[in-house]
PDB file of N, CA and C in Angstrom:
ATOM      1  N   MET A   1      16.293  12.429  -2.509  1.00  0.00           N
ATOM      2  CA  MET A   1      17.133  12.751  -1.390  1.00  0.00           C
ATOM      3  C   MET A   1      18.085  13.880  -1.763  1.00  0.00           C
ATOM      4  N   ILE A   2      18.613  13.830  -2.949  1.00  0.00           N
ATOM      5  CA  ILE A   2      19.585  14.832  -3.364  1.00  0.00           C
ATOM      6  C   ILE A   2      18.897  16.157  -3.684  1.00  0.00           C
ATOM      7  N   VAL A   3      17.677  16.114  -4.165  1.00  0.00           N
ATOM      8  CA  VAL A   3      16.958  17.336  -4.534  1.00  0.00           C
ATOM      9  C   VAL A   3      16.722  18.209  -3.308  1.00  0.00           C
ATOM     10  N   PHE A   4      16.321  17.622  -2.204  1.00  0.00           N
ATOM     11  CA  PHE A   4      16.027  18.408  -1.008  1.00  0.00           C
ATOM     12  C   PHE A   4      17.273  19.062  -0.436  1.00  0.00           C
ATOM     13  N   GLN A   5      18.441  18.444  -0.608  1.00  0.00           N
ATOM     14  CA  GLN A   5      19.670  19.046  -0.102  1.00  0.00           C
ATOM     15  C   GLN A   5      19.927  20.403  -0.759  1.00  0.00           C
ATOM     16  N   GLY A   6      19.580  20.547  -2.023  1.00  0.00           N
ATOM     17  CA  GLY A   6      19.724  21.841  -2.688  1.00  0.00           C
ATOM     18  C   GLY A   6      18.700  22.858  -2.219  1.00  0.00           C
ATOM     19  N   GLU A   7      17.523  22.396  -1.832  1.00  0.00           N
ATOM     20  CA  GLU A   7      16.455  23.286  -1.375  1.00  0.00           C
ATOM     21  C   GLU A   7      16.510  23.573   0.117  1.00  0.00           C
ATOM     22  N   LYS A   8      17.300  22.834   0.853  1.00  0.00           N
ATOM     23  CA  LYS A   8      17.304  22.940   2.309  1.00  0.00           C
ATOM     24  C   LYS A   8      17.696  24.329   2.822  1.00  0.00           C
ATOM     25  N   PRO A   9      18.731  24.993   2.283  1.00  0.00           N
ATOM     26  CA  PRO A   9      19.050  26.332   2.789  1.00  0.00           C
ATOM     27  C   PRO A   9      17.916  27.340   2.561  1.00  0.00           C
ATOM     28  N   VAL A  10      17.250  27.235   1.417  1.00  0.00           N
ATOM     29  CA  VAL A  10      16.134  28.135   1.127  1.00  0.00           C
ATOM     30  C   VAL A  10      14.979  27.856   2.083  1.00  0.00           C
ATOM     31  N   TYR A  11      14.673  26.576   2.287  1.00  0.00           N
ATOM     32  CA  TYR A  11      13.592  26.219   3.211  1.00  0.00           C
ATOM     33  C   TYR A  11      13.902  26.697   4.621  1.00  0.00           C
ATOM     34  N   THR A  12      15.136  26.484   5.080  1.00  0.00           N
ATOM     35  CA  THR A  12      15.508  26.894   6.437  1.00  0.00           C
ATOM     36  C   THR A  12      15.371  28.403   6.614  1.00  0.00           C
ATOM     37  N   ARG A  13      15.816  29.164   5.631  1.00  0.00           N
ATOM     38  CA  ARG A  13      15.709  30.620   5.697  1.00  0.00           C
ATOM     39  C   ARG A  13      14.248  31.060   5.727  1.00  0.00           C
ATOM     40  N   GLU A  14      13.415  30.446   4.901  1.00  0.00           N
ATOM     41  CA  GLU A  14      12.005  30.825   4.857  1.00  0.00           C
ATOM     42  C   GLU A  14      11.261  30.375   6.121  1.00  0.00           C
ATOM     43  N   ARG A  15      11.622  29.227   6.668  1.00  0.00           N
ATOM     44  CA  ARG A  15      11.001  28.770   7.905  1.00  0.00           C
ATOM     45  C   ARG A  15      11.381  29.671   9.073  1.00  0.00           C
ATOM     46  N   ASP A  16      12.648  30.065   9.133  1.00  0.00           N
ATOM     47  CA  ASP A  16      13.099  30.937  10.217  1.00  0.00           C
ATOM     48  C   ASP A  16      12.451  32.311  10.159  1.00  0.00           C
ATOM     49  N   SER A  17      12.079  32.750   8.965  1.00  0.00           N
ATOM     50  CA  SER A  17      11.408  34.043   8.855  1.00  0.00           C
ATOM     51  C   SER A  17       9.910  33.920   9.134  1.00  0.00           C
ATOM     52  N   GLY A  18       9.414  32.699   9.369  1.00  0.00           N
ATOM     53  CA  GLY A  18       8.016  32.487   9.745  1.00  0.00           C
ATOM     54  C   GLY A  18       7.060  32.459   8.570  1.00  0.00           C
ATOM     55  N   MET A  19       7.550  32.123   7.365  1.00  0.00           N
ATOM     56  CA  MET A  19       6.683  32.121   6.194  1.00  0.00           C
ATOM     57  C   MET A  19       5.723  30.936   6.178  1.00  0.00           C
ATOM     58  N   TYR A  20       6.183  29.761   6.582  1.00  0.00           N
ATOM     59  CA  TYR A  20       5.323  28.580   6.612  1.00  0.00           C
ATOM     60  C   TYR A  20       5.919  27.531   7.529  1.00  0.00           C
ATOM     61  N   ASP A  21       5.126  26.495   7.801  1.00  0.00           N
ATOM     62  CA  ASP A  21       5.529  25.428   8.694  1.00  0.00           C
ATOM     63  C   ASP A  21       6.003  24.225   7.874  1.00  0.00           C
ATOM     64  N   ILE A  22       6.601  23.251   8.527  1.00  0.00           N
ATOM     65  CA  ILE A  22       7.159  22.090   7.838  1.00  0.00           C
ATOM     66  C   ILE A  22       6.100  21.249   7.152  1.00  0.00           C
ATOM     67  N   TRP A  23       4.944  21.061   7.773  1.00  0.00           N
ATOM     68  CA  TRP A  23       3.926  20.186   7.175  1.00  0.00           C
ATOM     69  C   TRP A  23       3.366  20.799   5.899  1.00  0.00           C
ATOM     70  N   ILE A  24       3.316  22.118   5.820  1.00  0.00           N
ATOM     71  CA  ILE A  24       2.844  22.766   4.591  1.00  0.00           C
ATOM     72  C   ILE A  24       3.844  22.543   3.463  1.00  0.00           C
ATOM     73  N   TYR A  25       5.124  22.703   3.770  1.00  0.00           N
ATOM     74  CA  TYR A  25       6.155  22.491   2.757  1.00  0.00           C
ATOM     75  C   TYR A  25       6.141  21.046   2.256  1.00  0.00           C
ATOM     76  N   ALA A  26       6.113  20.084   3.189  1.00  0.00           N
ATOM     77  CA  ALA A  26       6.156  18.674   2.803  1.00  0.00           C
ATOM     78  C   ALA A  26       4.922  18.269   2.012  1.00  0.00           C
ATOM     79  N   THR A  27       3.758  18.727   2.431  1.00  0.00           N
ATOM     80  CA  THR A  27       2.519  18.367   1.734  1.00  0.00           C
ATOM     81  C   THR A  27       2.473  18.940   0.332  1.00  0.00           C
ATOM     82  N   THR A  28       2.809  20.207   0.192  1.00  0.00           N
ATOM     83  CA  THR A  28       2.774  20.819  -1.143  1.00  0.00           C
ATOM     84  C   THR A  28       3.845  20.237  -2.049  1.00  0.00           C
ATOM     85  N   LYS A  29       4.990  19.871  -1.497  1.00  0.00           N
ATOM     86  CA  LYS A  29       6.039  19.258  -2.314  1.00  0.00           C
ATOM     87  C   LYS A  29       5.596  17.891  -2.831  1.00  0.00           C
ATOM     88  N   LEU A  30       4.988  17.094  -1.964  1.00  0.00           N
ATOM     89  CA  LEU A  30       4.500  15.784  -2.411  1.00  0.00           C
ATOM     90  C   LEU A  30       3.360  15.919  -3.425  1.00  0.00           C
ATOM     91  N   ILE A  31       2.470  16.898  -3.234  1.00  0.00           N
ATOM     92  CA  ILE A  31       1.374  17.116  -4.181  1.00  0.00           C
ATOM     93  C   ILE A  31       1.908  17.590  -5.521  1.00  0.00           C
ATOM     94  N   ALA A  32       2.922  18.457  -5.492  1.00  0.00           N
ATOM     95  CA  ALA A  32       3.493  18.961  -6.747  1.00  0.00           C
ATOM     96  C   ALA A  32       4.195  17.862  -7.539  1.00  0.00           C
ATOM     97  N   GLU A  33       4.685  16.844  -6.867  1.00  0.00           N
ATOM     98  CA  GLU A  33       5.392  15.764  -7.551  1.00  0.00           C
ATOM     99  C   GLU A  33       4.482  14.624  -7.987  1.00  0.00           C
ATOM    100  N   ILE A  34       3.209  14.697  -7.682  1.00  0.00           N
ATOM    101  CA  ILE A  34       2.285  13.612  -8.043  1.00  0.00           C
ATOM    102  C   ILE A  34       2.239  13.346  -9.551  1.00  0.00           C
ATOM    103  N   PRO A  35       2.198  14.356 -10.433  1.00  0.00           N
ATOM    104  CA  PRO A  35       2.177  14.015 -11.873  1.00  0.00           C
ATOM    105  C   PRO A  35       3.390  13.207 -12.328  1.00  0.00           C
ATOM    106  N   ILE A  36       4.559  13.548 -11.820  1.00  0.00           N
ATOM    107  CA  ILE A  36       5.757  12.792 -12.184  1.00  0.00           C
ATOM    108  C   ILE A  36       5.689  11.394 -11.584  1.00  0.00           C
ATOM    109  N   MET A  37       5.198  11.312 -10.354  1.00  0.00           N
ATOM    110  CA  MET A  37       5.102  10.015  -9.694  1.00  0.00           C
ATOM    111  C   MET A  37       3.984   9.150 -10.257  1.00  0.00           C
ATOM    112  N   LEU A  38       3.100   9.709 -11.030  1.00  0.00           N
ATOM    113  CA  LEU A  38       2.073   8.923 -11.727  1.00  0.00           C
ATOM    114  C   LEU A  38       2.573   8.447 -13.084  1.00  0.00           C
ATOM    115  N   PHE A  39       3.273   9.300 -13.808  1.00  0.00           N
ATOM    116  CA  PHE A  39       3.676   8.987 -15.178  1.00  0.00           C
ATOM    117  C   PHE A  39       4.801   7.958 -15.245  1.00  0.00           C
ATOM    118  N   ILE A  40       5.881   8.185 -14.522  1.00  0.00           N
ATOM    119  CA  ILE A  40       7.050   7.308 -14.627  1.00  0.00           C
ATOM    120  C   ILE A  40       6.742   5.879 -14.158  1.00  0.00           C
ATOM    121  N   PRO A  41       6.089   5.690 -13.002  1.00  0.00           N
ATOM    122  CA  PRO A  41       5.732   4.310 -12.635  1.00  0.00           C
ATOM    123  C   PRO A  41       4.720   3.689 -13.598  1.00  0.00           C
ATOM    124  N   GLY A  42       3.818   4.503 -14.145  1.00  0.00           N
ATOM    125  CA  GLY A  42       2.866   3.980 -15.123  1.00  0.00           C
ATOM    126  C   GLY A  42       3.565   3.475 -16.369  1.00  0.00           C
ATOM    127  N   LEU A  43       4.555   4.212 -16.830  1.00  0.00           N
ATOM    128  CA  LEU A  43       5.336   3.778 -17.990  1.00  0.00           C
ATOM    129  C   LEU A  43       6.108   2.502 -17.670  1.00  0.00           C
ATOM    130  N   PHE A  44       6.726   2.469 -16.502  1.00  0.00           N
ATOM    131  CA  PHE A  44       7.432   1.267 -16.064  1.00  0.00           C
ATOM    132  C   PHE A  44       6.494   0.073 -15.978  1.00  0.00           C
ATOM    133  N   LEU A  45       5.304   0.308 -15.454  1.00  0.00           N
ATOM    134  CA  LEU A  45       4.330  -0.755 -15.285  1.00  0.00           C
ATOM    135  C   LEU A  45       3.836  -1.284 -16.629  1.00  0.00           C
ATOM    136  N   LEU A  46       3.576  -0.397 -17.573  1.00  0.00           N
ATOM    137  CA  LEU A  46       3.116  -0.832 -18.890  1.00  0.00           C
ATOM    138  C   LEU A  46       4.150  -1.705 -19.591  1.00  0.00           C
ATOM    139  N   ILE A  47       5.406  -1.399 -19.377  1.00  0.00           N
ATOM    140  CA  ILE A  47       6.460  -2.187 -20.017  1.00  0.00           C
ATOM    141  C   ILE A  47       6.623  -3.543 -19.342  1.00  0.00           C
ATOM    142  N   THR A  48       6.621  -3.560 -18.019  1.00  0.00           N
ATOM    143  CA  THR A  48       6.967  -4.792 -17.305  1.00  0.00           C
ATOM    144  C   THR A  48       5.794  -5.707 -17.000  1.00  0.00           C
ATOM    145  N   TYR A  49       4.604  -5.164 -16.806  1.00  0.00           N
ATOM    146  CA  TYR A  49       3.470  -5.986 -16.375  1.00  0.00           C
ATOM    147  C   TYR A  49       3.162  -7.098 -17.371  1.00  0.00           C
ATOM    148  N   PHE A  50       3.063  -6.746 -18.614  1.00  0.00           N
ATOM    149  CA  PHE A  50       2.717  -7.741 -19.625  1.00  0.00           C
ATOM    150  C   PHE A  50       3.935  -8.558 -20.051  1.00  0.00           C
ATOM    151  N   ALA A  51       5.136  -8.009 -19.889  1.00  0.00           N
ATOM    152  CA  ALA A  51       6.345  -8.766 -20.201  1.00  0.00           C
ATOM    153  C   ALA A  51       6.550  -9.909 -19.217  1.00  0.00           C
ATOM    154  N   PHE A  52       6.111  -9.712 -17.974  1.00  0.00           N
ATOM    155  CA  PHE A  52       6.225 -10.771 -16.978  1.00  0.00           C
ATOM    156  C   PHE A  52       5.130 -11.810 -17.110  1.00  0.00           C
ATOM    157  N   GLY A  53       4.125 -11.543 -17.923  1.00  0.00           N
ATOM    158  CA  GLY A  53       3.039 -12.484 -18.116  1.00  0.00           C
ATOM    159  C   GLY A  53       2.066 -12.522 -16.956  1.00  0.00           C
ATOM    160  N   LEU A  54       1.854 -11.393 -16.307  1.00  0.00           N
ATOM    161  CA  LEU A  54       0.907 -11.353 -15.192  1.00  0.00           C
ATOM    162  C   LEU A  54      -0.524 -11.370 -15.716  1.00  0.00           C
ATOM    163  N   THR A  55      -1.484 -11.471 -14.833  1.00  0.00           N
ATOM    164  CA  THR A  55      -2.894 -11.611 -15.181  1.00  0.00           C
ATOM    165  C   THR A  55      -3.373 -10.457 -16.044  1.00  0.00           C
ATOM    166  N   ASN A  56      -4.125 -10.780 -17.094  1.00  0.00           N
ATOM    167  CA  ASN A  56      -4.651  -9.758 -18.005  1.00  0.00           C
ATOM    168  C   ASN A  56      -5.991  -9.216 -17.520  1.00  0.00           C
ATOM    169  N   SER A  57      -6.061  -8.827 -16.292  1.00  0.00           N
ATOM    170  CA  SER A  57      -7.276  -8.285 -15.703  1.00  0.00           C
ATOM    171  C   SER A  57      -7.048  -6.816 -15.366  1.00  0.00           C
ATOM    172  N   ALA A  58      -8.050  -5.991 -15.637  1.00  0.00           N
ATOM    173  CA  ALA A  58      -7.912  -4.562 -15.370  1.00  0.00           C
ATOM    174  C   ALA A  58      -7.811  -4.292 -13.877  1.00  0.00           C
ATOM    175  N   THR A  59      -8.548  -5.030 -13.062  1.00  0.00           N
ATOM    176  CA  THR A  59      -8.489  -4.806 -11.627  1.00  0.00           C
ATOM    177  C   THR A  59      -7.133  -5.206 -11.052  1.00  0.00           C
ATOM    178  N   GLN A  60      -6.571  -6.320 -11.537  1.00  0.00           N
ATOM    179  CA  GLN A  60      -5.238  -6.732 -11.085  1.00  0.00           C
ATOM    180  C   GLN A  60      -4.185  -5.712 -11.503  1.00  0.00           C
ATOM    181  N   PHE A  61      -4.304  -5.203 -12.717  1.00  0.00           N
ATOM    182  CA  PHE A  61      -3.373  -4.194 -13.217  1.00  0.00           C
ATOM    183  C   PHE A  61      -3.448  -2.935 -12.358  1.00  0.00           C
ATOM    184  N   LEU A  62      -4.652  -2.470 -12.049  1.00  0.00           N
ATOM    185  CA  LEU A  62      -4.815  -1.257 -11.247  1.00  0.00           C
ATOM    186  C   LEU A  62      -4.359  -1.472  -9.803  1.00  0.00           C
ATOM    187  N   MET A  63      -4.561  -2.647  -9.262  1.00  0.00           N
ATOM    188  CA  MET A  63      -4.076  -2.935  -7.909  1.00  0.00           C
ATOM    189  C   MET A  63      -2.549  -2.943  -7.873  1.00  0.00           C
ATOM    190  N   TYR A  64      -1.935  -3.503  -8.882  1.00  0.00           N
ATOM    191  CA  TYR A  64      -0.475  -3.506  -8.978  1.00  0.00           C
ATOM    192  C   TYR A  64       0.040  -2.076  -9.095  1.00  0.00           C
ATOM    193  N   TYR A  65      -0.641  -1.265  -9.878  1.00  0.00           N
ATOM    194  CA  TYR A  65      -0.271   0.142 -10.044  1.00  0.00           C
ATOM    195  C   TYR A  65      -0.434   0.897  -8.727  1.00  0.00           C
ATOM    196  N   LEU A  66      -1.496   0.624  -7.984  1.00  0.00           N
ATOM    197  CA  LEU A  66      -1.718   1.271  -6.691  1.00  0.00           C
ATOM    198  C   LEU A  66      -0.617   0.911  -5.703  1.00  0.00           C
ATOM    199  N   VAL A  67      -0.245  -0.353  -5.642  1.00  0.00           N
ATOM    200  CA  VAL A  67       0.831  -0.780  -4.746  1.00  0.00           C
ATOM    201  C   VAL A  67       2.144  -0.120  -5.144  1.00  0.00           C
ATOM    202  N   LEU A  68       2.411  -0.050  -6.436  1.00  0.00           N
ATOM    203  CA  LEU A  68       3.621   0.604  -6.919  1.00  0.00           C
ATOM    204  C   LEU A  68       3.632   2.088  -6.549  1.00  0.00           C
ATOM    205  N   MET A  69       2.487   2.746  -6.680  1.00  0.00           N
ATOM    206  CA  MET A  69       2.391   4.163  -6.323  1.00  0.00           C
ATOM    207  C   MET A  69       2.622   4.376  -4.824  1.00  0.00           C
ATOM    208  N   LEU A  70       2.057   3.527  -3.995  1.00  0.00           N
ATOM    209  CA  LEU A  70       2.245   3.650  -2.551  1.00  0.00           C
ATOM    210  C   LEU A  70       3.699   3.408  -2.153  1.00  0.00           C
ATOM    211  N   MET A  71       4.350   2.468  -2.811  1.00  0.00           N
ATOM    212  CA  MET A  71       5.761   2.227  -2.540  1.00  0.00           C
ATOM    213  C   MET A  71       6.612   3.431  -2.923  1.00  0.00           C
ATOM    214  N   ILE A  72       6.278   4.064  -4.032  1.00  0.00           N
ATOM    215  CA  ILE A  72       7.037   5.236  -4.467  1.00  0.00           C
ATOM    216  C   ILE A  72       6.816   6.410  -3.527  1.00  0.00           C
ATOM    217  N   GLN A  73       5.583   6.595  -3.067  1.00  0.00           N
ATOM    218  CA  GLN A  73       5.309   7.667  -2.100  1.00  0.00           C
ATOM    219  C   GLN A  73       6.088   7.429  -0.806  1.00  0.00           C
ATOM    220  N   ALA A  74       6.118   6.199  -0.331  1.00  0.00           N
ATOM    221  CA  ALA A  74       6.838   5.891   0.906  1.00  0.00           C
ATOM    222  C   ALA A  74       8.342   6.078   0.732  1.00  0.00           C
ATOM    223  N   ALA A  75       8.875   5.662  -0.403  1.00  0.00           N
ATOM    224  CA  ALA A  75      10.307   5.826  -0.655  1.00  0.00           C
ATOM    225  C   ALA A  75      10.678   7.300  -0.772  1.00  0.00           C
ATOM    226  N   THR A  76       9.833   8.083  -1.406  1.00  0.00           N
ATOM    227  CA  THR A  76      10.086   9.517  -1.523  1.00  0.00           C
ATOM    228  C   THR A  76      10.052  10.190  -0.160  1.00  0.00           C
ATOM    229  N   ALA A  77       9.084   9.835   0.642  1.00  0.00           N
ATOM    230  CA  ALA A  77       8.996  10.415   1.986  1.00  0.00           C
ATOM    231  C   ALA A  77      10.199  10.016   2.839  1.00  0.00           C
ATOM    232  N   MET A  78      10.643   8.772   2.726  1.00  0.00           N
ATOM    233  CA  MET A  78      11.817   8.346   3.473  1.00  0.00           C
ATOM    234  C   MET A  78      13.067   9.079   2.993  1.00  0.00           C
ATOM    235  N   GLY A  79      13.173   9.303   1.694  1.00  0.00           N
ATOM    236  CA  GLY A  79      14.298  10.061   1.156  1.00  0.00           C
ATOM    237  C   GLY A  79      14.323  11.485   1.665  1.00  0.00           C
ATOM    238  N   TYR A  80      13.168  12.127   1.712  1.00  0.00           N
ATOM    239  CA  TYR A  80      13.100  13.491   2.248  1.00  0.00           C
ATOM    240  C   TYR A  80      13.425  13.513   3.735  1.00  0.00           C
ATOM    241  N   ALA A  81      12.955  12.510   4.471  1.00  0.00           N
ATOM    242  CA  ALA A  81      13.238  12.459   5.904  1.00  0.00           C
ATOM    243  C   ALA A  81      14.731  12.276   6.162  1.00  0.00           C
ATOM    244  N   LEU A  82      15.374  11.367   5.445  1.00  0.00           N
ATOM    245  CA  LEU A  82      16.814  11.174   5.605  1.00  0.00           C
ATOM    246  C   LEU A  82      17.588  12.408   5.167  1.00  0.00           C
ATOM    247  N   SER A  83      17.136  13.028   4.114  1.00  0.00           N
ATOM    248  CA  SER A  83      17.816  14.217   3.617  1.00  0.00           C
ATOM    249  C   SER A  83      17.705  15.382   4.579  1.00  0.00           C
ATOM    250  N   SER A  84      16.598  15.454   5.299  1.00  0.00           N
ATOM    251  CA  SER A  84      16.435  16.563   6.236  1.00  0.00           C
ATOM    252  C   SER A  84      17.252  16.362   7.509  1.00  0.00           C
ATOM    253  N   VAL A  85      17.622  15.125   7.817  1.00  0.00           N
ATOM    254  CA  VAL A  85      18.390  14.852   9.028  1.00  0.00           C
ATOM    255  C   VAL A  85      19.847  15.284   8.868  1.00  0.00           C
ATOM    256  N   PHE A  86      20.416  15.077   7.679  1.00  0.00           N
ATOM    257  CA  PHE A  86      21.837  15.336   7.458  1.00  0.00           C
ATOM    258  C   PHE A  86      22.044  16.662   6.733  1.00  0.00           C
ATOM    259  N   ASN A  87      23.204  17.280   6.991  1.00  0.00           N
ATOM    260  CA  ASN A  87      23.507  18.573   6.382  1.00  0.00           C
ATOM    261  C   ASN A  87      24.194  18.449   5.034  1.00  0.00           C
ATOM    262  N   HIS A  88      24.818  17.318   4.771  1.00  0.00           N
ATOM    263  CA  HIS A  88      25.547  17.146   3.521  1.00  0.00           C
ATOM    264  C   HIS A  88      24.925  16.035   2.686  1.00  0.00           C
ATOM    265  N   GLU A  89      24.944  16.246   1.393  1.00  0.00           N
ATOM    266  CA  GLU A  89      24.351  15.296   0.453  1.00  0.00           C
ATOM    267  C   GLU A  89      25.045  13.942   0.510  1.00  0.00           C
ATOM    268  N   THR A  90      26.366  13.932   0.582  1.00  0.00           N
ATOM    269  CA  THR A  90      27.100  12.666   0.585  1.00  0.00           C
ATOM    270  C   THR A  90      26.801  11.849   1.845  1.00  0.00           C
ATOM    271  N   THR A  91      26.614  12.518   2.964  1.00  0.00           N
ATOM    272  CA  THR A  91      26.293  11.804   4.199  1.00  0.00           C
ATOM    273  C   THR A  91      24.916  11.156   4.105  1.00  0.00           C
ATOM    274  N   ALA A  92      23.960  11.877   3.551  1.00  0.00           N
ATOM    275  CA  ALA A  92      22.602  11.342   3.412  1.00  0.00           C
ATOM    276  C   ALA A  92      22.582  10.155   2.454  1.00  0.00           C
ATOM    277  N   VAL A  93      23.305  10.259   1.349  1.00  0.00           N
ATOM    278  CA  VAL A  93      23.347   9.168   0.372  1.00  0.00           C
ATOM    279  C   VAL A  93      24.062   7.948   0.960  1.00  0.00           C
ATOM    280  N   ALA A  94      25.102   8.169   1.756  1.00  0.00           N
ATOM    281  CA  ALA A  94      25.835   7.053   2.362  1.00  0.00           C
ATOM    282  C   ALA A  94      25.022   6.373   3.459  1.00  0.00           C
ATOM    283  N   PHE A  95      24.173   7.126   4.147  1.00  0.00           N
ATOM    284  CA  PHE A  95      23.405   6.569   5.253  1.00  0.00           C
ATOM    285  C   PHE A  95      22.137   5.851   4.793  1.00  0.00           C
ATOM    286  N   ALA A  96      21.660   6.138   3.592  1.00  0.00           N
ATOM    287  CA  ALA A  96      20.409   5.556   3.092  1.00  0.00           C
ATOM    288  C   ALA A  96      20.426   4.024   3.055  1.00  0.00           C
ATOM    289  N   PRO A  97      21.497   3.375   2.574  1.00  0.00           N
ATOM    290  CA  PRO A  97      21.482   1.905   2.596  1.00  0.00           C
ATOM    291  C   PRO A  97      21.458   1.318   4.000  1.00  0.00           C
ATOM    292  N   ILE A  98      22.016   2.028   4.971  1.00  0.00           N
ATOM    293  CA  ILE A  98      22.011   1.543   6.350  1.00  0.00           C
ATOM    294  C   ILE A  98      20.577   1.470   6.878  1.00  0.00           C
ATOM    295  N   VAL A  99      19.749   2.403   6.462  1.00  0.00           N
ATOM    296  CA  VAL A  99      18.341   2.400   6.876  1.00  0.00           C
ATOM    297  C   VAL A  99      17.539   1.438   6.006  1.00  0.00           C
ATOM    298  N   ASN A 100      17.841   1.379   4.729  1.00  0.00           N
ATOM    299  CA  ASN A 100      17.049   0.611   3.779  1.00  0.00           C
ATOM    300  C   ASN A 100      17.251  -0.905   3.909  1.00  0.00           C
ATOM    301  N   MET A 101      18.458  -1.345   4.200  1.00  0.00           N
ATOM    302  CA  MET A 101      18.723  -2.781   4.237  1.00  0.00           C
ATOM    303  C   MET A 101      17.928  -3.511   5.329  1.00  0.00           C
ATOM    304  N   PRO A 102      17.860  -3.016   6.560  1.00  0.00           N
ATOM    305  CA  PRO A 102      17.010  -3.713   7.534  1.00  0.00           C
ATOM    306  C   PRO A 102      15.538  -3.721   7.134  1.00  0.00           C
ATOM    307  N   LEU A 103      15.070  -2.662   6.488  1.00  0.00           N
ATOM    308  CA  LEU A 103      13.682  -2.648   6.027  1.00  0.00           C
ATOM    309  C   LEU A 103      13.441  -3.729   4.984  1.00  0.00           C
ATOM    310  N   ASN A 104      14.388  -3.915   4.082  1.00  0.00           N
ATOM    311  CA  ASN A 104      14.263  -4.972   3.073  1.00  0.00           C
ATOM    312  C   ASN A 104      14.332  -6.355   3.704  1.00  0.00           C
ATOM    313  N   LEU A 105      15.254  -6.546   4.632  1.00  0.00           N
ATOM    314  CA  LEU A 105      15.400  -7.854   5.258  1.00  0.00           C
ATOM    315  C   LEU A 105      14.186  -8.223   6.096  1.00  0.00           C
ATOM    316  N   LEU A 106      13.670  -7.277   6.851  1.00  0.00           N
ATOM    317  CA  LEU A 106      12.543  -7.559   7.720  1.00  0.00           C
ATOM    318  C   LEU A 106      11.200  -7.447   7.014  1.00  0.00           C
ATOM    319  N   GLY A 107      11.200  -6.863   5.817  1.00  0.00           N
ATOM    320  CA  GLY A 107       9.957  -6.714   5.071  1.00  0.00           C
ATOM    321  C   GLY A 107       9.573  -7.951   4.284  1.00  0.00           C
ATOM    322  N   GLY A 108      10.423  -8.964   4.227  1.00  0.00           N
ATOM    323  CA  GLY A 108      10.089 -10.210   3.569  1.00  0.00           C
ATOM    324  C   GLY A 108      10.523 -10.311   2.125  1.00  0.00           C
ATOM    325  N   TYR A 109      11.239  -9.317   1.610  1.00  0.00           N
ATOM    326  CA  TYR A 109      11.663  -9.372   0.215  1.00  0.00           C
ATOM    327  C   TYR A 109      12.741 -10.418  -0.016  1.00  0.00           C
ATOM    328  N   MET A 110      13.540 -10.709   0.989  1.00  0.00           N
ATOM    329  CA  MET A 110      14.673 -11.605   0.810  1.00  0.00           C
ATOM    330  C   MET A 110      14.495 -12.926   1.535  1.00  0.00           C
ATOM    331  N   ILE A 111      13.257 -13.320   1.793  1.00  0.00           N
ATOM    332  CA  ILE A 111      12.973 -14.575   2.476  1.00  0.00           C
ATOM    333  C   ILE A 111      12.489 -15.585   1.441  1.00  0.00           C
ATOM    334  N   ASN A 112      13.015 -16.795   1.510  1.00  0.00           N
ATOM    335  CA  ASN A 112      12.581 -17.862   0.623  1.00  0.00           C
ATOM    336  C   ASN A 112      11.139 -18.240   0.983  1.00  0.00           C
ATOM    337  N   LEU A 113      10.284 -18.363  -0.007  1.00  0.00           N
ATOM    338  CA  LEU A 113       8.871 -18.654   0.244  1.00  0.00           C
ATOM    339  C   LEU A 113       8.660 -19.990   0.923  1.00  0.00           C
ATOM    340  N   SER A 114       9.529 -20.950   0.696  1.00  0.00           N
ATOM    341  CA  SER A 114       9.361 -22.254   1.347  1.00  0.00           C
ATOM    342  C   SER A 114       9.623 -22.172   2.853  1.00  0.00           C
ATOM    343  N   ASN A 115      10.345 -21.158   3.305  1.00  0.00           N
ATOM    344  CA  ASN A 115      10.615 -20.990   4.740  1.00  0.00           C
ATOM    345  C   ASN A 115       9.469 -20.317   5.476  1.00  0.00           C
ATOM    346  N   ILE A 116       8.527 -19.717   4.778  1.00  0.00           N
ATOM    347  CA  ILE A 116       7.430 -19.014   5.419  1.00  0.00           C
ATOM    348  C   ILE A 116       6.421 -19.987   5.988  1.00  0.00           C
ATOM    349  N   PHE A 117       6.128 -21.045   5.289  1.00  0.00           N
ATOM    350  CA  PHE A 117       5.087 -21.997   5.710  1.00  0.00           C
ATOM    351  C   PHE A 117       5.620 -23.084   6.557  1.00  0.00           C
TER     352      PHE A 117
END
């Protein structure tokens, strides 16, 4: 979220001059960040997966990694979307929990499992 705030004036100037469209910028930015988004979650996963005592199956490990990667892609996209809405970095950072908390509450992360059934 904070990274895009620094790039926003440059992007706005280049967009206004007709150099490229928003979908090209967003797609290339996400593609350029894929190596970082593969390495850091992979390192996190290698440390925590076996420490938690999860299943020692390669398919389970890869499925967990895939879910983690999709969550990171979604969080990054949401951060860029929030950052593009606001003009100041502090406003975007302050507004992020307001958007994130209902998603966490309604997404089932904070529900007791005994209440589901």
